[in-house]
Amino acid sequence: MNVTPRLRGPARLMFGNPVSLVYLALVVAAVLFALVDMVFVRHQDASFAGIWAVLLTSPTVFPLWLAGDAMWGEAGSPQWYSVLTLVVAALVNALLLGLLQRALRGRPGGRGAVVSGGWHTQRHGDY
């Protein structure tokens, strides 16, 4: 069973249109801003630099966080799960933006064969 054709469509929606690419670039920029702030800037208290990545991936990130809280209970979800939820939420949002952009733009499809009086006129012209 070849899985590649099934992944090609969603990958095209996530990475193959300008709306999703701009969105993903904004998410990457917000994550890089948070990482630079965390590594290179000294703070007396906690920094809110990471909030931009959370805001850009909302509302999809919140159900994922709630699922993590339900799985790990009082201990809280591990840090890798929080990072994974940001990645998954960004990809889901990019997919939804790709679907919205395709729906608003109208998907250009190739014309199929037109059947006219029993004749397939795709290669023969409309007679």
N, C-alpha and C. Protein backbone atom coordinates (compact mmCIF):
# COMPACT_ATOMS: atom_id res chain seq x y z
N MET A 1 0.85 -1.17 0.00
CA MET A 1 0.00 0.00 0.00
C MET A 1 0.90 1.24 0.00
N ASN A 2 0.70 2.10 -0.95
CA ASN A 2 1.51 3.31 -1.08
C ASN A 2 0.85 4.46 -0.34
N VAL A 3 1.53 5.01 0.66
CA VAL A 3 0.97 6.06 1.50
C VAL A 3 1.24 7.44 0.91
N THR A 4 2.23 7.55 0.05
CA THR A 4 2.64 8.85 -0.46
C THR A 4 1.52 9.62 -1.16
N PRO A 5 0.70 9.03 -2.03
CA PRO A 5 -0.37 9.81 -2.66
C PRO A 5 -1.38 10.36 -1.66
N ARG A 6 -1.61 9.64 -0.55
CA ARG A 6 -2.55 10.14 0.45
C ARG A 6 -2.00 11.33 1.20
N LEU A 7 -0.70 11.41 1.34
CA LEU A 7 -0.08 12.53 2.05
C LEU A 7 0.19 13.72 1.14
N ARG A 8 0.20 13.49 -0.15
CA ARG A 8 0.52 14.56 -1.09
C ARG A 8 -0.52 15.69 -1.06
N GLY A 9 -1.80 15.34 -0.98
CA GLY A 9 -2.86 16.35 -0.96
C GLY A 9 -2.80 17.25 0.27
N PRO A 10 -2.78 16.67 1.49
CA PRO A 10 -2.65 17.52 2.67
C PRO A 10 -1.35 18.30 2.71
N ALA A 11 -0.26 17.71 2.24
CA ALA A 11 1.01 18.43 2.23
C ALA A 11 0.95 19.62 1.28
N ARG A 12 0.26 19.45 0.16
CA ARG A 12 0.09 20.56 -0.78
C ARG A 12 -0.74 21.68 -0.16
N LEU A 13 -1.75 21.30 0.62
CA LEU A 13 -2.58 22.32 1.27
C LEU A 13 -1.80 23.05 2.37
N MET A 14 -0.91 22.32 3.07
CA MET A 14 -0.15 22.93 4.16
C MET A 14 1.01 23.78 3.66
N PHE A 15 1.71 23.30 2.63
CA PHE A 15 2.95 23.96 2.21
C PHE A 15 2.91 24.50 0.78
N GLY A 16 1.85 24.27 0.05
CA GLY A 16 1.82 24.62 -1.36
C GLY A 16 1.02 25.84 -1.72
N ASN A 17 0.63 26.64 -0.75
CA ASN A 17 -0.08 27.87 -1.09
C ASN A 17 0.48 29.02 -0.25
N PRO A 18 0.38 30.23 -0.75
CA PRO A 18 1.02 31.35 -0.06
C PRO A 18 0.41 31.67 1.31
N VAL A 19 -0.87 31.44 1.50
CA VAL A 19 -1.51 31.76 2.78
C VAL A 19 -0.93 30.89 3.89
N SER A 20 -0.85 29.59 3.64
CA SER A 20 -0.30 28.68 4.64
C SER A 20 1.18 28.93 4.87
N LEU A 21 1.91 29.25 3.81
CA LEU A 21 3.34 29.51 3.97
C LEU A 21 3.61 30.76 4.80
N VAL A 22 2.83 31.80 4.59
CA VAL A 22 2.99 33.02 5.41
C VAL A 22 2.65 32.72 6.86
N TYR A 23 1.59 31.96 7.08
CA TYR A 23 1.20 31.60 8.44
C TYR A 23 2.31 30.80 9.12
N LEU A 24 2.84 29.78 8.44
CA LEU A 24 3.90 28.97 9.03
C LEU A 24 5.17 29.79 9.26
N ALA A 25 5.46 30.74 8.39
CA ALA A 25 6.61 31.62 8.60
C ALA A 25 6.42 32.48 9.85
N LEU A 26 5.21 32.97 10.07
CA LEU A 26 4.93 33.74 11.28
C LEU A 26 5.09 32.89 12.54
N VAL A 27 4.65 31.64 12.49
CA VAL A 27 4.79 30.75 13.64
C VAL A 27 6.27 30.47 13.91
N VAL A 28 7.03 30.20 12.86
CA VAL A 28 8.47 29.95 13.03
C VAL A 28 9.16 31.19 13.59
N ALA A 29 8.79 32.37 13.11
CA ALA A 29 9.39 33.60 13.62
C ALA A 29 9.05 33.80 15.10
N ALA A 30 7.83 33.49 15.49
CA ALA A 30 7.44 33.63 16.90
C ALA A 30 8.20 32.64 17.79
N VAL A 31 8.38 31.41 17.30
CA VAL A 31 9.13 30.41 18.06
C VAL A 31 10.60 30.81 18.17
N LEU A 32 11.18 31.30 17.08
CA LEU A 32 12.57 31.76 17.13
C LEU A 32 12.73 32.94 18.08
N PHE A 33 11.78 33.86 18.07
CA PHE A 33 11.81 35.00 18.99
C PHE A 33 11.79 34.50 20.44
N ALA A 34 10.94 33.52 20.74
CA ALA A 34 10.87 32.98 22.09
C ALA A 34 12.17 32.26 22.47
N LEU A 35 12.75 31.53 21.53
CA LEU A 35 14.00 30.82 21.82
C LEU A 35 15.15 31.79 22.06
N VAL A 36 15.26 32.82 21.24
CA VAL A 36 16.31 33.82 21.43
C VAL A 36 16.11 34.53 22.76
N ASP A 37 14.88 34.86 23.09
CA ASP A 37 14.60 35.52 24.36
C ASP A 37 14.95 34.61 25.54
N MET A 38 14.66 33.33 25.41
CA MET A 38 14.93 32.39 26.49
C MET A 38 16.43 32.16 26.68
N VAL A 39 17.19 32.11 25.59
CA VAL A 39 18.61 31.77 25.68
C VAL A 39 19.49 32.99 25.95
N PHE A 40 19.22 34.11 25.31
CA PHE A 40 20.16 35.23 25.35
C PHE A 40 19.76 36.40 26.24
N VAL A 41 18.53 36.47 26.69
CA VAL A 41 18.08 37.62 27.47
C VAL A 41 17.84 37.18 28.91
N ARG A 42 18.43 37.91 29.84
CA ARG A 42 18.24 37.61 31.26
C ARG A 42 17.03 38.39 31.78
N HIS A 43 16.17 37.69 32.52
CA HIS A 43 14.97 38.29 33.07
C HIS A 43 14.92 38.05 34.57
N GLN A 44 14.34 39.00 35.29
CA GLN A 44 14.10 38.80 36.71
C GLN A 44 12.96 37.80 36.91
N ASP A 45 11.93 37.94 36.10
CA ASP A 45 10.76 37.07 36.16
C ASP A 45 10.63 36.31 34.85
N ALA A 46 9.58 35.57 34.74
CA ALA A 46 9.32 34.81 33.50
C ALA A 46 9.01 35.78 32.36
N SER A 47 9.44 35.38 31.17
CA SER A 47 9.18 36.19 29.99
C SER A 47 7.89 35.71 29.31
N PHE A 48 7.22 36.62 28.65
CA PHE A 48 6.01 36.27 27.91
C PHE A 48 6.28 36.21 26.41
N ALA A 49 7.53 35.97 26.02
CA ALA A 49 7.87 35.92 24.60
C ALA A 49 7.21 34.74 23.90
N GLY A 50 7.00 33.64 24.61
CA GLY A 50 6.40 32.46 24.01
C GLY A 50 4.91 32.57 23.76
N ILE A 51 4.30 33.61 24.30
CA ILE A 51 2.86 33.76 24.14
C ILE A 51 2.47 34.00 22.68
N TRP A 52 3.38 34.58 21.89
CA TRP A 52 3.07 34.84 20.48
C TRP A 52 2.89 33.54 19.71
N ALA A 53 3.72 32.55 19.99
CA ALA A 53 3.56 31.25 19.33
C ALA A 53 2.24 30.60 19.73
N VAL A 54 1.88 30.75 21.00
CA VAL A 54 0.61 30.17 21.48
C VAL A 54 -0.57 30.88 20.82
N LEU A 55 -0.51 32.20 20.75
CA LEU A 55 -1.60 32.95 20.13
C LEU A 55 -1.75 32.63 18.65
N LEU A 56 -0.62 32.44 17.96
CA LEU A 56 -0.69 32.13 16.54
C LEU A 56 -1.23 30.72 16.27
N THR A 57 -1.03 29.81 17.20
CA THR A 57 -1.52 28.44 16.99
C THR A 57 -2.88 28.20 17.64
N SER A 58 -3.44 29.21 18.27
CA SER A 58 -4.77 29.04 18.86
C SER A 58 -5.81 29.08 17.74
N PRO A 59 -6.92 28.53 17.91
CA PRO A 59 -7.50 27.83 19.03
C PRO A 59 -7.17 26.34 19.05
N THR A 60 -6.43 25.86 18.04
CA THR A 60 -6.17 24.43 17.93
C THR A 60 -5.31 23.90 19.07
N VAL A 61 -4.44 24.73 19.61
CA VAL A 61 -3.51 24.27 20.64
C VAL A 61 -4.22 23.96 21.96
N PHE A 62 -5.31 24.63 22.24
CA PHE A 62 -5.96 24.47 23.55
C PHE A 62 -6.58 23.09 23.78
N PRO A 63 -7.31 22.51 22.82
CA PRO A 63 -7.79 21.14 23.05
C PRO A 63 -6.65 20.13 23.20
N LEU A 64 -5.55 20.37 22.49
CA LEU A 64 -4.40 19.47 22.63
C LEU A 64 -3.79 19.58 24.03
N TRP A 65 -3.72 20.77 24.57
CA TRP A 65 -3.22 20.94 25.94
C TRP A 65 -4.16 20.30 26.95
N LEU A 66 -5.45 20.45 26.73
CA LEU A 66 -6.41 19.82 27.63
C LEU A 66 -6.30 18.29 27.57
N ALA A 67 -6.04 17.76 26.40
CA ALA A 67 -5.85 16.31 26.28
C ALA A 67 -4.60 15.87 27.04
N GLY A 68 -3.55 16.68 26.98
CA GLY A 68 -2.34 16.36 27.73
C GLY A 68 -2.56 16.41 29.23
N ASP A 69 -3.33 17.38 29.68
CA ASP A 69 -3.66 17.45 31.11
C ASP A 69 -4.49 16.24 31.53
N ALA A 70 -5.37 15.78 30.65
CA ALA A 70 -6.18 14.61 30.98
C ALA A 70 -5.33 13.34 31.01
N MET A 71 -4.32 13.26 30.14
CA MET A 71 -3.48 12.06 30.10
C MET A 71 -2.52 11.98 31.28
N TRP A 72 -1.90 13.11 31.65
CA TRP A 72 -0.89 13.08 32.69
C TRP A 72 -1.42 13.51 34.06
N GLY A 73 -2.61 14.02 34.12
CA GLY A 73 -3.24 14.35 35.40
C GLY A 73 -2.49 15.41 36.19
N GLU A 74 -2.34 15.17 37.48
CA GLU A 74 -1.74 16.15 38.39
C GLU A 74 -0.27 16.42 38.08
N ALA A 75 0.43 15.45 37.52
CA ALA A 75 1.86 15.61 37.23
C ALA A 75 2.08 16.66 36.14
N GLY A 76 1.09 16.87 35.31
CA GLY A 76 1.22 17.82 34.21
C GLY A 76 1.92 17.18 33.02
N SER A 77 1.67 17.71 31.87
CA SER A 77 2.27 17.14 30.66
C SER A 77 3.75 17.51 30.59
N PRO A 78 4.56 16.62 30.01
CA PRO A 78 5.99 16.92 29.88
C PRO A 78 6.24 18.03 28.87
N GLN A 79 7.44 18.58 28.91
CA GLN A 79 7.78 19.71 28.05
C GLN A 79 7.75 19.32 26.57
N TRP A 80 8.17 18.09 26.26
CA TRP A 80 8.17 17.67 24.86
C TRP A 80 6.75 17.65 24.30
N TYR A 81 5.76 17.36 25.16
CA TYR A 81 4.38 17.34 24.70
C TYR A 81 3.90 18.75 24.37
N SER A 82 4.32 19.72 25.15
CA SER A 82 3.94 21.10 24.87
C SER A 82 4.51 21.57 23.54
N VAL A 83 5.75 21.20 23.26
CA VAL A 83 6.36 21.57 21.98
C VAL A 83 5.66 20.84 20.83
N LEU A 84 5.36 19.56 21.04
CA LEU A 84 4.67 18.77 20.02
C LEU A 84 3.28 19.35 19.71
N THR A 85 2.58 19.83 20.74
CA THR A 85 1.26 20.40 20.50
C THR A 85 1.34 21.68 19.68
N LEU A 86 2.39 22.48 19.89
CA LEU A 86 2.56 23.69 19.07
C LEU A 86 2.79 23.32 17.61
N VAL A 87 3.61 22.29 17.37
CA VAL A 87 3.89 21.87 15.99
C VAL A 87 2.63 21.32 15.34
N VAL A 88 1.93 20.44 16.04
CA VAL A 88 0.71 19.84 15.48
C VAL A 88 -0.36 20.91 15.24
N ALA A 89 -0.51 21.83 16.19
CA ALA A 89 -1.51 22.89 16.03
C ALA A 89 -1.17 23.79 14.85
N ALA A 90 0.11 24.11 14.66
CA ALA A 90 0.50 24.94 13.52
C ALA A 90 0.22 24.23 12.20
N LEU A 91 0.49 22.93 12.14
CA LEU A 91 0.24 22.18 10.90
C LEU A 91 -1.25 22.03 10.63
N VAL A 92 -2.04 21.80 11.66
CA VAL A 92 -3.49 21.71 11.48
C VAL A 92 -4.06 23.05 11.02
N ASN A 93 -3.59 24.13 11.64
CA ASN A 93 -4.06 25.46 11.23
C ASN A 93 -3.64 25.77 9.80
N ALA A 94 -2.42 25.38 9.40
CA ALA A 94 -1.98 25.59 8.02
C ALA A 94 -2.83 24.79 7.04
N LEU A 95 -3.20 23.57 7.43
CA LEU A 95 -4.08 22.75 6.59
C LEU A 95 -5.45 23.42 6.44
N LEU A 96 -5.99 23.91 7.55
CA LEU A 96 -7.30 24.58 7.50
C LEU A 96 -7.24 25.86 6.68
N LEU A 97 -6.15 26.61 6.80
CA LEU A 97 -5.98 27.81 5.98
C LEU A 97 -5.87 27.45 4.50
N GLY A 98 -5.19 26.35 4.19
CA GLY A 98 -5.09 25.89 2.80
C GLY A 98 -6.45 25.50 2.25
N LEU A 99 -7.24 24.81 3.07
CA LEU A 99 -8.60 24.45 2.63
C LEU A 99 -9.46 25.69 2.42
N LEU A 100 -9.35 26.65 3.32
CA LEU A 100 -10.12 27.88 3.18
C LEU A 100 -9.69 28.66 1.94
N GLN A 101 -8.40 28.75 1.72
CA GLN A 101 -7.91 29.48 0.55
C GLN A 101 -8.36 28.80 -0.74
N ARG A 102 -8.33 27.46 -0.77
CA ARG A 102 -8.78 26.73 -1.95
C ARG A 102 -10.28 26.91 -2.18
N ALA A 103 -11.05 26.93 -1.09
CA ALA A 103 -12.49 27.10 -1.23
C ALA A 103 -12.84 28.51 -1.70
N LEU A 104 -12.15 29.51 -1.20
CA LEU A 104 -12.43 30.88 -1.60
C LEU A 104 -11.96 31.19 -3.01
N ARG A 105 -10.84 30.61 -3.38
CA ARG A 105 -10.27 30.87 -4.70
C ARG A 105 -10.97 30.07 -5.77
N GLY A 106 -11.47 28.92 -5.41
CA GLY A 106 -12.04 28.02 -6.41
C GLY A 106 -10.94 27.17 -6.98
N ARG A 107 -11.12 25.89 -6.91
CA ARG A 107 -10.07 24.98 -7.34
C ARG A 107 -10.11 24.82 -8.85
N PRO A 108 -9.02 25.22 -9.52
CA PRO A 108 -9.01 25.03 -10.97
C PRO A 108 -8.81 23.55 -11.28
N GLY A 109 -9.79 22.97 -11.88
CA GLY A 109 -9.70 21.56 -12.23
C GLY A 109 -9.67 21.40 -13.74
N GLY A 110 -9.07 20.32 -14.18
CA GLY A 110 -9.07 20.05 -15.61
C GLY A 110 -10.46 19.66 -16.07
N ARG A 111 -10.84 20.08 -17.27
CA ARG A 111 -12.14 19.70 -17.79
C ARG A 111 -12.11 18.25 -18.17
N GLY A 112 -13.09 17.56 -17.72
CA GLY A 112 -13.20 16.15 -18.09
C GLY A 112 -13.82 16.02 -19.46
N ALA A 113 -14.01 14.79 -19.85
CA ALA A 113 -14.62 14.53 -21.15
C ALA A 113 -16.09 14.94 -21.11
N VAL A 114 -16.51 15.61 -22.12
CA VAL A 114 -17.90 16.02 -22.24
C VAL A 114 -18.59 15.00 -23.15
N VAL A 115 -19.66 14.42 -22.67
CA VAL A 115 -20.38 13.43 -23.46
C VAL A 115 -21.54 14.15 -24.13
N SER A 116 -21.52 14.14 -25.45
CA SER A 116 -22.54 14.84 -26.21
C SER A 116 -23.10 13.88 -27.25
N GLY A 117 -24.29 13.42 -27.02
CA GLY A 117 -24.92 12.51 -27.98
C GLY A 117 -24.19 11.19 -28.08
N GLY A 118 -23.55 10.76 -27.01
CA GLY A 118 -22.86 9.49 -27.05
C GLY A 118 -21.40 9.59 -27.46
N TRP A 119 -20.97 10.76 -27.93
CA TRP A 119 -19.58 10.94 -28.34
C TRP A 119 -18.79 11.58 -27.21
N HIS A 120 -17.62 11.04 -26.96
CA HIS A 120 -16.71 11.69 -26.03
C HIS A 120 -15.97 12.78 -26.80
N THR A 121 -16.19 14.00 -26.41
CA THR A 121 -15.67 15.12 -27.20
C THR A 121 -14.41 15.72 -26.61
N GLN A 122 -13.76 15.01 -25.69
CA GLN A 122 -12.57 15.59 -25.08
C GLN A 122 -11.46 15.80 -26.09
N ARG A 123 -11.26 14.83 -26.98
CA ARG A 123 -10.15 14.94 -27.95
C ARG A 123 -10.65 15.25 -29.35
N HIS A 124 -11.92 15.31 -29.50
CA HIS A 124 -12.45 15.46 -30.86
C HIS A 124 -13.13 16.81 -31.10
N GLY A 125 -13.22 17.65 -30.09
CA GLY A 125 -13.88 18.93 -30.25
C GLY A 125 -15.38 18.79 -30.10
N ASP A 126 -16.05 19.88 -29.90
CA ASP A 126 -17.50 19.87 -29.77
C ASP A 126 -18.12 19.98 -31.16
N TYR A 127 -18.70 18.90 -31.63
CA TYR A 127 -19.36 18.91 -32.93
C TYR A 127 -20.82 18.75 -32.76
